[in-house]
Amino acid sequence: MNFVRLLSDGDGVTRLVAVVLFLMSCASWVVILWKGWLLHRAGTDVARSTAAFWQSADLPDGLRKARAFDREAMVEPLISATTVTSHGTLATAGDRSQQLTRVLRQALHAVLARLQYGQVLLATVGATAPFVGLLGTVWGIYHALISISSAGQITIDRIAGPVGEALIMTAAGLAVAIPAVLAYNVFGRMIGRIEADLEGFARDLRELLLSAPPAAQARA
């Protein structure tokens, strides 16, 4: 009873299900390894870059120091967004508070979109892989029973082997889904912590720039 024999004895549907599960597994593990590395670096960099920013003398110095620690560009876009001005447009029609809220919100959404990238794939694999494996099992059992019935005499020994091999597809589907689900939950918690830190930094940065004197706001 083995997976190789199941594929060799199965038809095109069985092989297609196996290929789909293999591709889903490869895609999810690529995302798991990449996001694990990204979120580990991002979580460390956000804390270090924000600490360096608040220890700076002014905004340009803070941007320079934060950029030195911000390897994944999580904090730098928020700071840079506050230094961009577009005179003569609707973006500058409101007061300073509205302008800062708008640019910080846009920059924060862009950073969070990068952090969330790949989460949909992990959720999709975790939700669908067991059913794909179940489809392979059902089809494998059907295929095995048709082959056994055409052979004439049916005994439990002749049924147990093919049916047991078909059940491997269900185990394969679970083996693909479980790591994706676990990674999705772990990464979701990590993203939530980073998001809270970035939102807090954006709020503090906005309050800092609003309370700064006009000359400092002009330089910002």
N, C-alpha and C. Protein backbone atom coordinates (compact mmCIF):
# COMPACT_ATOMS: atom_id res chain seq x y z
N MET A 1 0.84 -1.18 0.00
CA MET A 1 0.00 0.00 0.00
C MET A 1 0.89 1.24 0.00
N ASN A 2 0.98 1.96 -1.11
CA ASN A 2 1.82 3.14 -1.16
C ASN A 2 1.27 4.12 -2.17
N PHE A 3 1.75 5.35 -2.05
CA PHE A 3 1.25 6.44 -2.89
C PHE A 3 1.66 6.25 -4.34
N VAL A 4 2.85 5.72 -4.58
CA VAL A 4 3.33 5.51 -5.95
C VAL A 4 2.46 4.50 -6.66
N ARG A 5 2.11 3.44 -5.98
CA ARG A 5 1.25 2.43 -6.60
C ARG A 5 -0.13 2.99 -6.89
N LEU A 6 -0.62 3.85 -5.98
CA LEU A 6 -1.92 4.48 -6.22
C LEU A 6 -1.89 5.30 -7.49
N LEU A 7 -0.83 6.06 -7.72
CA LEU A 7 -0.73 6.88 -8.92
C LEU A 7 -0.58 6.01 -10.16
N SER A 8 0.19 4.94 -10.05
CA SER A 8 0.39 4.09 -11.23
C SER A 8 -0.88 3.33 -11.60
N ASP A 9 -1.67 2.94 -10.59
CA ASP A 9 -2.91 2.21 -10.87
C ASP A 9 -4.08 3.14 -11.16
N GLY A 10 -3.97 4.42 -10.73
CA GLY A 10 -5.07 5.34 -10.91
C GLY A 10 -5.16 5.87 -12.32
N ASP A 11 -6.25 6.59 -12.57
CA ASP A 11 -6.45 7.17 -13.90
C ASP A 11 -6.04 8.65 -13.89
N GLY A 12 -6.49 9.38 -14.90
CA GLY A 12 -6.10 10.77 -15.03
C GLY A 12 -6.60 11.64 -13.90
N VAL A 13 -7.80 11.37 -13.38
CA VAL A 13 -8.34 12.17 -12.29
C VAL A 13 -7.50 12.01 -11.03
N THR A 14 -7.11 10.78 -10.73
CA THR A 14 -6.28 10.54 -9.56
C THR A 14 -4.95 11.26 -9.67
N ARG A 15 -4.35 11.18 -10.83
CA ARG A 15 -3.05 11.86 -11.03
C ARG A 15 -3.23 13.38 -10.98
N LEU A 16 -4.34 13.88 -11.51
CA LEU A 16 -4.59 15.33 -11.47
C LEU A 16 -4.73 15.81 -10.04
N VAL A 17 -5.46 15.08 -9.21
CA VAL A 17 -5.62 15.45 -7.81
C VAL A 17 -4.27 15.45 -7.11
N ALA A 18 -3.45 14.45 -7.40
CA ALA A 18 -2.12 14.39 -6.78
C ALA A 18 -1.26 15.57 -7.20
N VAL A 19 -1.32 15.96 -8.47
CA VAL A 19 -0.54 17.09 -8.94
C VAL A 19 -1.02 18.38 -8.29
N VAL A 20 -2.35 18.55 -8.18
CA VAL A 20 -2.90 19.74 -7.55
C VAL A 20 -2.45 19.84 -6.10
N LEU A 21 -2.52 18.74 -5.37
CA LEU A 21 -2.07 18.75 -3.98
C LEU A 21 -0.58 19.07 -3.88
N PHE A 22 0.20 18.54 -4.80
CA PHE A 22 1.64 18.81 -4.79
C PHE A 22 1.91 20.30 -5.03
N LEU A 23 1.22 20.88 -6.01
CA LEU A 23 1.41 22.30 -6.30
C LEU A 23 0.94 23.17 -5.14
N MET A 24 -0.17 22.81 -4.53
CA MET A 24 -0.65 23.56 -3.37
C MET A 24 0.34 23.50 -2.22
N SER A 25 0.92 22.33 -2.02
CA SER A 25 1.91 22.18 -0.96
C SER A 25 3.15 23.03 -1.23
N CYS A 26 3.64 22.98 -2.47
CA CYS A 26 4.82 23.78 -2.83
C CYS A 26 4.55 25.27 -2.65
N ALA A 27 3.39 25.73 -3.14
CA ALA A 27 3.07 27.15 -3.05
C ALA A 27 2.95 27.59 -1.59
N SER A 28 2.29 26.79 -0.77
CA SER A 28 2.11 27.18 0.63
C SER A 28 3.43 27.19 1.38
N TRP A 29 4.32 26.23 1.10
CA TRP A 29 5.59 26.21 1.80
C TRP A 29 6.50 27.35 1.36
N VAL A 30 6.42 27.73 0.09
CA VAL A 30 7.18 28.90 -0.35
C VAL A 30 6.71 30.14 0.40
N VAL A 31 5.40 30.31 0.51
CA VAL A 31 4.85 31.47 1.23
C VAL A 31 5.20 31.39 2.71
N ILE A 32 5.12 30.19 3.30
CA ILE A 32 5.43 30.04 4.72
C ILE A 32 6.87 30.44 5.02
N LEU A 33 7.80 29.94 4.23
CA LEU A 33 9.21 30.26 4.47
C LEU A 33 9.50 31.74 4.22
N TRP A 34 8.93 32.27 3.13
CA TRP A 34 9.17 33.68 2.81
C TRP A 34 8.56 34.61 3.84
N LYS A 35 7.29 34.36 4.22
CA LYS A 35 6.63 35.25 5.17
C LYS A 35 7.22 35.11 6.56
N GLY A 36 7.63 33.91 6.93
CA GLY A 36 8.27 33.75 8.23
C GLY A 36 9.54 34.59 8.33
N TRP A 37 10.33 34.58 7.27
CA TRP A 37 11.55 35.40 7.23
C TRP A 37 11.21 36.89 7.22
N LEU A 38 10.21 37.27 6.41
CA LEU A 38 9.83 38.68 6.29
C LEU A 38 9.28 39.22 7.61
N LEU A 39 8.37 38.49 8.23
CA LEU A 39 7.74 39.00 9.45
C LEU A 39 8.71 39.02 10.62
N HIS A 40 9.63 38.09 10.65
CA HIS A 40 10.65 38.11 11.71
C HIS A 40 11.50 39.36 11.59
N ARG A 41 11.96 39.66 10.38
CA ARG A 41 12.75 40.86 10.16
C ARG A 41 11.93 42.12 10.41
N ALA A 42 10.69 42.13 9.92
CA ALA A 42 9.86 43.32 10.06
C ALA A 42 9.55 43.62 11.52
N GLY A 43 9.24 42.58 12.30
CA GLY A 43 8.94 42.81 13.70
C GLY A 43 10.12 43.41 14.45
N THR A 44 11.33 42.93 14.14
CA THR A 44 12.53 43.48 14.77
C THR A 44 12.83 44.89 14.28
N ASP A 45 12.69 45.09 12.97
CA ASP A 45 13.06 46.38 12.38
C ASP A 45 12.12 47.50 12.80
N VAL A 46 10.85 47.21 12.94
CA VAL A 46 9.89 48.26 13.34
C VAL A 46 10.26 48.80 14.72
N ALA A 47 10.56 47.91 15.64
CA ALA A 47 10.93 48.36 16.99
C ALA A 47 12.23 49.16 16.97
N ARG A 48 13.21 48.69 16.22
CA ARG A 48 14.51 49.38 16.21
C ARG A 48 14.43 50.71 15.47
N SER A 49 13.73 50.74 14.35
CA SER A 49 13.67 51.97 13.56
C SER A 49 12.84 53.05 14.24
N THR A 50 11.75 52.68 14.89
CA THR A 50 10.96 53.68 15.60
C THR A 50 11.72 54.23 16.81
N ALA A 51 12.47 53.35 17.49
CA ALA A 51 13.27 53.82 18.62
C ALA A 51 14.35 54.79 18.13
N ALA A 52 14.98 54.48 17.00
CA ALA A 52 16.00 55.37 16.45
C ALA A 52 15.39 56.71 16.02
N PHE A 53 14.16 56.65 15.48
CA PHE A 53 13.51 57.89 15.04
C PHE A 53 13.27 58.83 16.21
N TRP A 54 12.75 58.30 17.32
CA TRP A 54 12.41 59.16 18.45
C TRP A 54 13.64 59.68 19.17
N GLN A 55 14.79 59.10 18.91
CA GLN A 55 16.02 59.60 19.51
C GLN A 55 16.75 60.60 18.60
N SER A 56 16.12 60.99 17.51
CA SER A 56 16.75 61.91 16.56
C SER A 56 16.46 63.35 16.93
N ALA A 57 17.25 64.24 16.34
CA ALA A 57 17.12 65.67 16.64
C ALA A 57 15.97 66.32 15.89
N ASP A 58 15.74 65.91 14.64
CA ASP A 58 14.67 66.49 13.84
C ASP A 58 14.16 65.44 12.86
N LEU A 59 13.19 65.83 12.04
CA LEU A 59 12.55 64.88 11.13
C LEU A 59 13.52 64.33 10.08
N PRO A 60 14.31 65.15 9.40
CA PRO A 60 15.25 64.57 8.42
C PRO A 60 16.25 63.60 9.05
N ASP A 61 16.73 63.96 10.25
CA ASP A 61 17.65 63.05 10.94
C ASP A 61 16.94 61.78 11.35
N GLY A 62 15.69 61.91 11.79
CA GLY A 62 14.92 60.72 12.15
C GLY A 62 14.67 59.81 10.97
N LEU A 63 14.40 60.41 9.81
CA LEU A 63 14.19 59.61 8.61
C LEU A 63 15.46 58.85 8.24
N ARG A 64 16.58 59.51 8.35
CA ARG A 64 17.85 58.87 8.01
C ARG A 64 18.17 57.72 8.97
N LYS A 65 17.97 57.94 10.25
CA LYS A 65 18.26 56.89 11.23
C LYS A 65 17.28 55.72 11.12
N ALA A 66 16.01 56.04 10.92
CA ALA A 66 15.02 54.97 10.79
C ALA A 66 15.29 54.13 9.55
N ARG A 67 15.68 54.76 8.46
CA ARG A 67 15.95 54.04 7.23
C ARG A 67 17.12 53.06 7.38
N ALA A 68 18.07 53.40 8.26
CA ALA A 68 19.23 52.53 8.45
C ALA A 68 18.83 51.19 9.09
N PHE A 69 17.78 51.19 9.90
CA PHE A 69 17.33 49.95 10.56
C PHE A 69 16.15 49.30 9.85
N ASP A 70 15.51 50.01 8.96
CA ASP A 70 14.25 49.56 8.35
C ASP A 70 14.51 48.76 7.09
N ARG A 71 14.98 47.52 7.23
CA ARG A 71 15.36 46.70 6.07
C ARG A 71 14.17 46.35 5.19
N GLU A 72 13.00 46.19 5.76
CA GLU A 72 11.80 45.81 5.00
C GLU A 72 10.92 47.00 4.66
N ALA A 73 11.42 48.22 4.90
CA ALA A 73 10.70 49.45 4.54
C ALA A 73 9.28 49.46 5.11
N MET A 74 9.20 49.32 6.42
CA MET A 74 7.91 49.38 7.10
C MET A 74 7.63 50.75 7.72
N VAL A 75 8.66 51.38 8.23
CA VAL A 75 8.50 52.66 8.92
C VAL A 75 8.83 53.83 8.00
N GLU A 76 9.84 53.66 7.16
CA GLU A 76 10.29 54.75 6.29
C GLU A 76 9.17 55.31 5.41
N PRO A 77 8.27 54.50 4.82
CA PRO A 77 7.19 55.09 4.01
C PRO A 77 6.27 56.01 4.80
N LEU A 78 6.07 55.74 6.07
CA LEU A 78 5.21 56.61 6.89
C LEU A 78 5.86 57.96 7.09
N ILE A 79 7.16 57.95 7.37
CA ILE A 79 7.86 59.22 7.59
C ILE A 79 7.95 59.99 6.28
N SER A 80 8.30 59.30 5.21
CA SER A 80 8.46 59.97 3.92
C SER A 80 7.15 60.57 3.43
N ALA A 81 6.02 59.93 3.75
CA ALA A 81 4.72 60.43 3.29
C ALA A 81 4.42 61.81 3.86
N THR A 82 4.92 62.11 5.04
CA THR A 82 4.64 63.41 5.65
C THR A 82 5.50 64.52 5.08
N THR A 83 6.52 64.19 4.30
CA THR A 83 7.41 65.20 3.73
C THR A 83 7.05 65.56 2.31
N VAL A 84 6.08 64.87 1.72
CA VAL A 84 5.69 65.12 0.33
C VAL A 84 4.56 66.12 0.29
N THR A 85 4.72 67.17 -0.48
CA THR A 85 3.67 68.19 -0.64
C THR A 85 3.35 68.37 -2.11
N SER A 86 2.08 68.58 -2.41
CA SER A 86 1.63 68.81 -3.79
C SER A 86 0.79 70.08 -3.81
N HIS A 87 1.44 71.19 -4.02
CA HIS A 87 0.74 72.47 -3.97
C HIS A 87 -0.20 72.60 -5.17
N GLY A 88 -1.34 73.27 -4.91
CA GLY A 88 -2.29 73.51 -5.97
C GLY A 88 -3.19 72.34 -6.29
N THR A 89 -3.25 71.34 -5.42
CA THR A 89 -4.11 70.18 -5.65
C THR A 89 -5.11 70.05 -4.50
N LEU A 90 -6.07 69.16 -4.68
CA LEU A 90 -7.06 68.93 -3.63
C LEU A 90 -6.42 68.33 -2.39
N ALA A 91 -5.27 67.67 -2.55
CA ALA A 91 -4.59 67.07 -1.40
C ALA A 91 -4.15 68.12 -0.40
N THR A 92 -3.93 69.33 -0.86
CA THR A 92 -3.50 70.41 0.04
C THR A 92 -4.62 71.39 0.35
N ALA A 93 -5.84 71.04 -0.05
CA ALA A 93 -6.96 71.95 0.17
C ALA A 93 -7.37 72.01 1.63
N GLY A 94 -7.23 70.90 2.35
CA GLY A 94 -7.63 70.88 3.74
C GLY A 94 -6.55 71.43 4.65
N ASP A 95 -6.83 71.37 5.95
CA ASP A 95 -5.84 71.84 6.90
C ASP A 95 -4.75 70.79 7.10
N ARG A 96 -3.78 71.15 7.93
CA ARG A 96 -2.62 70.27 8.14
C ARG A 96 -3.03 68.93 8.73
N SER A 97 -3.99 68.93 9.62
CA SER A 97 -4.44 67.70 10.26
C SER A 97 -5.03 66.73 9.23
N GLN A 98 -5.86 67.25 8.33
CA GLN A 98 -6.45 66.39 7.30
C GLN A 98 -5.40 65.85 6.34
N GLN A 99 -4.44 66.69 5.97
CA GLN A 99 -3.39 66.24 5.06
C GLN A 99 -2.56 65.12 5.68
N LEU A 100 -2.17 65.27 6.94
CA LEU A 100 -1.38 64.24 7.59
C LEU A 100 -2.16 62.95 7.76
N THR A 101 -3.43 63.07 8.12
CA THR A 101 -4.27 61.88 8.27
C THR A 101 -4.35 61.12 6.95
N ARG A 102 -4.52 61.86 5.85
CA ARG A 102 -4.68 61.22 4.55
C ARG A 102 -3.39 60.51 4.11
N VAL A 103 -2.27 61.20 4.17
CA VAL A 103 -1.03 60.61 3.67
C VAL A 103 -0.56 59.47 4.56
N LEU A 104 -0.74 59.58 5.86
CA LEU A 104 -0.35 58.50 6.76
C LEU A 104 -1.24 57.28 6.58
N ARG A 105 -2.52 57.51 6.36
CA ARG A 105 -3.42 56.38 6.13
C ARG A 105 -3.06 55.65 4.85
N GLN A 106 -2.78 56.39 3.79
CA GLN A 106 -2.41 55.76 2.53
C GLN A 106 -1.10 54.98 2.65
N ALA A 107 -0.11 55.57 3.31
CA ALA A 107 1.17 54.89 3.48
C ALA A 107 1.02 53.65 4.35
N LEU A 108 0.20 53.75 5.41
CA LEU A 108 -0.01 52.61 6.30
C LEU A 108 -0.72 51.47 5.57
N HIS A 109 -1.70 51.79 4.75
CA HIS A 109 -2.41 50.76 4.00
C HIS A 109 -1.47 50.05 3.02
N ALA A 110 -0.56 50.79 2.41
CA ALA A 110 0.39 50.17 1.48
C ALA A 110 1.33 49.22 2.21
N VAL A 111 1.79 49.61 3.38
CA VAL A 111 2.69 48.75 4.16
C VAL A 111 1.95 47.50 4.63
N LEU A 112 0.73 47.67 5.11
CA LEU A 112 -0.04 46.52 5.60
C LEU A 112 -0.41 45.57 4.47
N ALA A 113 -0.61 46.09 3.27
CA ALA A 113 -0.90 45.22 2.12
C ALA A 113 0.28 44.30 1.85
N ARG A 114 1.50 44.81 2.02
CA ARG A 114 2.68 43.97 1.85
C ARG A 114 2.76 42.90 2.92
N LEU A 115 2.40 43.27 4.16
CA LEU A 115 2.43 42.29 5.24
C LEU A 115 1.38 41.20 5.04
N GLN A 116 0.23 41.56 4.49
CA GLN A 116 -0.86 40.60 4.30
C GLN A 116 -0.67 39.73 3.06
N TYR A 117 0.30 40.06 2.22
CA TYR A 117 0.48 39.32 0.98
C TYR A 117 0.79 37.85 1.28
N GLY A 118 0.05 36.97 0.63
CA GLY A 118 0.23 35.53 0.83
C GLY A 118 -0.73 34.91 1.81
N GLN A 119 -1.38 35.73 2.63
CA GLN A 119 -2.33 35.20 3.61
C GLN A 119 -3.53 34.55 2.93
N VAL A 120 -3.97 35.15 1.83
CA VAL A 120 -5.13 34.58 1.12
C VAL A 120 -4.78 33.20 0.58
N LEU A 121 -3.58 33.04 0.07
CA LEU A 121 -3.17 31.73 -0.46
C LEU A 121 -3.15 30.68 0.65
N LEU A 122 -2.59 31.04 1.81
CA LEU A 122 -2.55 30.09 2.91
C LEU A 122 -3.96 29.72 3.37
N ALA A 123 -4.84 30.70 3.44
CA ALA A 123 -6.22 30.42 3.84
C ALA A 123 -6.92 29.52 2.82
N THR A 124 -6.66 29.79 1.54
CA THR A 124 -7.29 28.99 0.49
C THR A 124 -6.81 27.55 0.52
N VAL A 125 -5.50 27.37 0.67
CA VAL A 125 -4.94 26.01 0.73
C VAL A 125 -5.47 25.29 1.96
N GLY A 126 -5.48 25.97 3.09
CA GLY A 126 -5.96 25.33 4.31
C GLY A 126 -7.42 24.93 4.24
N ALA A 127 -8.23 25.70 3.51
CA ALA A 127 -9.66 25.41 3.44
C ALA A 127 -10.01 24.39 2.37
N THR A 128 -9.23 24.33 1.28
CA THR A 128 -9.62 23.49 0.15
C THR A 128 -8.83 22.20 0.02
N ALA A 129 -7.60 22.15 0.55
CA ALA A 129 -6.77 20.95 0.37
C ALA A 129 -7.43 19.68 0.92
N PRO A 130 -8.10 19.70 2.11
CA PRO A 130 -8.75 18.47 2.57
C PRO A 130 -9.83 17.97 1.61
N PHE A 131 -10.56 18.91 0.99
CA PHE A 131 -11.62 18.49 0.07
C PHE A 131 -11.03 17.97 -1.26
N VAL A 132 -9.92 18.55 -1.67
CA VAL A 132 -9.26 18.03 -2.86
C VAL A 132 -8.77 16.61 -2.60
N GLY A 133 -8.17 16.38 -1.41
CA GLY A 133 -7.76 15.03 -1.06
C GLY A 133 -8.94 14.08 -0.95
N LEU A 134 -10.06 14.56 -0.40
CA LEU A 134 -11.26 13.72 -0.30
C LEU A 134 -11.78 13.36 -1.68
N LEU A 135 -11.73 14.31 -2.62
CA LEU A 135 -12.14 14.00 -3.99
C LEU A 135 -11.28 12.89 -4.56
N GLY A 136 -9.96 12.97 -4.32
CA GLY A 136 -9.08 11.90 -4.79
C GLY A 136 -9.41 10.57 -4.15
N THR A 137 -9.78 10.59 -2.87
CA THR A 137 -10.14 9.35 -2.18
C THR A 137 -11.40 8.73 -2.76
N VAL A 138 -12.43 9.57 -2.92
CA VAL A 138 -13.70 9.06 -3.46
C VAL A 138 -13.50 8.50 -4.86
N TRP A 139 -12.77 9.24 -5.67
CA TRP A 139 -12.55 8.76 -7.04
C TRP A 139 -11.68 7.51 -7.05
N GLY A 140 -10.68 7.45 -6.16
CA GLY A 140 -9.83 6.27 -6.09
C GLY A 140 -10.59 5.04 -5.65
N ILE A 141 -11.50 5.20 -4.68
CA ILE A 141 -12.32 4.06 -4.24
C ILE A 141 -13.24 3.60 -5.36
N TYR A 142 -13.86 4.57 -6.04
CA TYR A 142 -14.71 4.21 -7.17
C TYR A 142 -13.93 3.46 -8.24
N HIS A 143 -12.77 3.98 -8.56
CA HIS A 143 -11.93 3.34 -9.58
C HIS A 143 -11.52 1.94 -9.14
N ALA A 144 -11.18 1.79 -7.85
CA ALA A 144 -10.75 0.48 -7.35
C ALA A 144 -11.90 -0.53 -7.37
N LEU A 145 -13.10 -0.08 -6.97
CA LEU A 145 -14.24 -1.00 -6.94
C LEU A 145 -14.64 -1.43 -8.35
N ILE A 146 -14.54 -0.50 -9.31
CA ILE A 146 -14.85 -0.88 -10.69
C ILE A 146 -13.86 -1.92 -11.18
N SER A 147 -12.60 -1.75 -10.87
CA SER A 147 -11.58 -2.71 -11.30
C SER A 147 -11.79 -4.06 -10.64
N ILE A 148 -12.16 -4.06 -9.34
CA ILE A 148 -12.37 -5.31 -8.63
C ILE A 148 -13.60 -6.04 -9.16
N SER A 149 -14.67 -5.29 -9.41
CA SER A 149 -15.90 -5.93 -9.91
C SER A 149 -15.70 -6.54 -11.28
N SER A 150 -14.88 -5.95 -12.09
CA SER A 150 -14.63 -6.51 -13.42
C SER A 150 -13.77 -7.76 -13.36
N ALA A 151 -13.10 -7.97 -12.22
CA ALA A 151 -12.24 -9.14 -12.09
C ALA A 151 -13.03 -10.39 -11.72
N GLY A 152 -14.29 -10.24 -11.33
CA GLY A 152 -15.11 -11.40 -11.01
C GLY A 152 -15.31 -11.55 -9.52
N GLN A 153 -14.60 -12.47 -8.89
CA GLN A 153 -14.78 -12.77 -7.48
C GLN A 153 -14.32 -11.58 -6.62
N ILE A 154 -15.14 -11.19 -5.64
CA ILE A 154 -14.84 -10.07 -4.75
C ILE A 154 -14.70 -10.60 -3.32
N THR A 155 -13.56 -10.33 -2.74
CA THR A 155 -13.31 -10.70 -1.34
C THR A 155 -12.79 -9.47 -0.61
N ILE A 156 -12.82 -9.59 0.72
CA ILE A 156 -12.35 -8.46 1.53
C ILE A 156 -10.88 -8.19 1.29
N ASP A 157 -10.12 -9.22 0.98
CA ASP A 157 -8.69 -9.02 0.72
C ASP A 157 -8.47 -8.21 -0.55
N ARG A 158 -9.31 -8.43 -1.53
CA ARG A 158 -9.16 -7.70 -2.79
C ARG A 158 -9.64 -6.25 -2.68
N ILE A 159 -10.53 -6.00 -1.71
CA ILE A 159 -11.06 -4.64 -1.54
C ILE A 159 -10.17 -3.80 -0.63
N ALA A 160 -9.64 -4.43 0.42
CA ALA A 160 -8.93 -3.68 1.44
C ALA A 160 -7.72 -2.93 0.88
N GLY A 161 -6.95 -3.60 0.02
CA GLY A 161 -5.75 -2.97 -0.52
C GLY A 161 -6.03 -1.73 -1.35
N PRO A 162 -6.83 -1.82 -2.41
CA PRO A 162 -7.11 -0.63 -3.24
C PRO A 162 -7.81 0.49 -2.48
N VAL A 163 -8.77 0.12 -1.61
CA VAL A 163 -9.49 1.15 -0.86
C VAL A 163 -8.54 1.84 0.13
N GLY A 164 -7.69 1.07 0.78
CA GLY A 164 -6.72 1.67 1.70
C GLY A 164 -5.77 2.61 0.99
N GLU A 165 -5.34 2.23 -0.21
CA GLU A 165 -4.47 3.11 -0.99
C GLU A 165 -5.18 4.40 -1.38
N ALA A 166 -6.47 4.29 -1.71
CA ALA A 166 -7.23 5.48 -2.06
C ALA A 166 -7.35 6.44 -0.89
N LEU A 167 -7.42 5.90 0.33
CA LEU A 167 -7.54 6.76 1.52
C LEU A 167 -6.28 7.59 1.76
N ILE A 168 -5.19 7.19 1.11
CA ILE A 168 -3.97 7.99 1.25
C ILE A 168 -4.20 9.41 0.76
N MET A 169 -5.08 9.59 -0.22
CA MET A 169 -5.35 10.93 -0.75
C MET A 169 -5.91 11.86 0.34
N THR A 170 -6.75 11.29 1.21
CA THR A 170 -7.28 12.11 2.31
C THR A 170 -6.17 12.55 3.24
N ALA A 171 -5.27 11.61 3.56
CA ALA A 171 -4.13 11.95 4.41
C ALA A 171 -3.24 12.99 3.74
N ALA A 172 -3.06 12.87 2.42
CA ALA A 172 -2.25 13.84 1.70
C ALA A 172 -2.89 15.23 1.75
N GLY A 173 -4.22 15.29 1.60
CA GLY A 173 -4.90 16.57 1.68
C GLY A 173 -4.74 17.22 3.04
N LEU A 174 -4.82 16.42 4.11
CA LEU A 174 -4.63 16.96 5.45
C LEU A 174 -3.18 17.40 5.67
N ALA A 175 -2.24 16.64 5.12
CA ALA A 175 -0.83 17.01 5.26
C ALA A 175 -0.52 18.33 4.58
N VAL A 176 -1.24 18.64 3.51
CA VAL A 176 -1.06 19.92 2.83
C VAL A 176 -1.76 21.04 3.59
N ALA A 177 -2.94 20.76 4.13
CA ALA A 177 -3.75 21.81 4.75
C ALA A 177 -3.26 22.23 6.12
N ILE A 178 -2.82 21.29 6.94
CA ILE A 178 -2.49 21.60 8.33
C ILE A 178 -1.36 22.62 8.45
N PRO A 179 -0.23 22.48 7.74
CA PRO A 179 0.80 23.53 7.85
C PRO A 179 0.31 24.89 7.39
N ALA A 180 -0.52 24.92 6.34
CA ALA A 180 -1.04 26.20 5.84
C ALA A 180 -1.92 26.87 6.89
N VAL A 181 -2.77 26.10 7.55
CA VAL A 181 -3.66 26.67 8.57
C VAL A 181 -2.86 27.18 9.77
N LEU A 182 -1.90 26.37 10.22
CA LEU A 182 -1.08 26.80 11.36
C LEU A 182 -0.29 28.06 11.03
N ALA A 183 0.31 28.09 9.84
CA ALA A 183 1.08 29.27 9.45
C ALA A 183 0.17 30.48 9.32
N TYR A 184 -1.02 30.31 8.79
CA TYR A 184 -1.95 31.44 8.65
C TYR A 184 -2.27 32.05 10.01
N ASN A 185 -2.52 31.20 11.00
CA ASN A 185 -2.86 31.71 12.33
C ASN A 185 -1.66 32.38 13.00
N VAL A 186 -0.48 31.76 12.89
CA VAL A 186 0.71 32.34 13.51
C VAL A 186 1.06 33.67 12.84
N PHE A 187 1.05 33.69 11.51
CA PHE A 187 1.37 34.93 10.80
C PHE A 187 0.34 36.01 11.08
N GLY A 188 -0.91 35.62 11.24
CA GLY A 188 -1.94 36.61 11.55
C GLY A 188 -1.67 37.32 12.86
N ARG A 189 -1.21 36.57 13.86
CA ARG A 189 -0.87 37.20 15.14
C ARG A 189 0.35 38.10 15.00
N MET A 190 1.34 37.67 14.25
CA MET A 190 2.53 38.49 14.05
C MET A 190 2.19 39.78 13.29
N ILE A 191 1.37 39.66 12.26
CA ILE A 191 0.95 40.84 11.50
C ILE A 191 0.15 41.78 12.38
N GLY A 192 -0.70 41.24 13.24
CA GLY A 192 -1.48 42.08 14.14
C GLY A 192 -0.60 42.90 15.07
N ARG A 193 0.47 42.28 15.60
CA ARG A 193 1.38 43.02 16.48
C ARG A 193 2.12 44.12 15.72
N ILE A 194 2.61 43.79 14.52
CA ILE A 194 3.31 44.79 13.72
C ILE A 194 2.37 45.92 13.32
N GLU A 195 1.15 45.57 12.94
CA GLU A 195 0.16 46.58 12.56
C GLU A 195 -0.13 47.52 13.72
N ALA A 196 -0.26 46.98 14.93
CA ALA A 196 -0.51 47.84 16.10
C ALA A 196 0.65 48.80 16.34
N ASP A 197 1.88 48.30 16.19
CA ASP A 197 3.04 49.17 16.36
C ASP A 197 3.08 50.27 15.31
N LEU A 198 2.79 49.93 14.07
CA LEU A 198 2.82 50.93 13.00
C LEU A 198 1.70 51.96 13.17
N GLU A 199 0.52 51.50 13.56
CA GLU A 199 -0.57 52.45 13.78
C GLU A 199 -0.25 53.40 14.93
N GLY A 200 0.36 52.87 15.98
CA GLY A 200 0.74 53.73 17.09
C GLY A 200 1.80 54.74 16.67
N PHE A 201 2.77 54.29 15.87
CA PHE A 201 3.80 55.21 15.40
C PHE A 201 3.20 56.29 14.50
N ALA A 202 2.29 55.90 13.61
CA ALA A 202 1.66 56.88 12.72
C ALA A 202 0.86 57.91 13.51
N ARG A 203 0.16 57.46 14.53
CA ARG A 203 -0.61 58.39 15.36
C ARG A 203 0.32 59.34 16.12
N ASP A 204 1.40 58.81 16.69
CA ASP A 204 2.34 59.68 17.41
C ASP A 204 3.04 60.65 16.46
N LEU A 205 3.37 60.17 15.26
CA LEU A 205 4.03 61.04 14.28
C LEU A 205 3.10 62.18 13.86
N ARG A 206 1.84 61.87 13.67
CA ARG A 206 0.87 62.90 13.31
C ARG A 206 0.76 63.95 14.41
N GLU A 207 0.68 63.50 15.66
CA GLU A 207 0.57 64.45 16.77
C GLU A 207 1.83 65.29 16.89
N LEU A 208 2.98 64.68 16.63
CA LEU A 208 4.24 65.43 16.69
C LEU A 208 4.27 66.54 15.66
N LEU A 209 3.89 66.24 14.44
CA LEU A 209 3.94 67.24 13.37
C LEU A 209 2.88 68.31 13.56
N LEU A 210 1.74 67.97 14.14
CA LEU A 210 0.71 68.98 14.38
C LEU A 210 1.11 69.94 15.49
N SER A 211 1.87 69.44 16.45
CA SER A 211 2.28 70.28 17.56
C SER A 211 3.58 71.01 17.30
N ALA A 212 4.26 70.71 16.16
CA ALA A 212 5.52 71.35 15.85
C ALA A 212 5.27 72.80 15.46
N PRO A 213 6.23 73.69 15.67
CA PRO A 213 6.07 75.09 15.26
C PRO A 213 5.97 75.22 13.76
N PRO A 214 5.42 76.30 13.23
CA PRO A 214 5.25 76.47 11.79
C PRO A 214 6.53 76.28 11.00
N ALA A 215 7.67 76.75 11.55
CA ALA A 215 8.93 76.59 10.81
C ALA A 215 9.28 75.14 10.65
N ALA A 216 9.07 74.35 11.72
CA ALA A 216 9.37 72.93 11.63
C ALA A 216 8.42 72.23 10.69
N GLN A 217 7.14 72.64 10.66
CA GLN A 217 6.18 72.04 9.74
C GLN A 217 6.57 72.35 8.30
N ALA A 218 7.06 73.53 8.06
CA ALA A 218 7.48 73.87 6.70
C ALA A 218 8.63 73.01 6.24
N ARG A 219 9.61 72.73 7.16
CA ARG A 219 10.73 71.86 6.79
C ARG A 219 10.25 70.44 6.58
N ALA A 220 9.24 70.00 7.36
CA ALA A 220 8.70 68.64 7.20
C ALA A 220 7.98 68.49 5.91
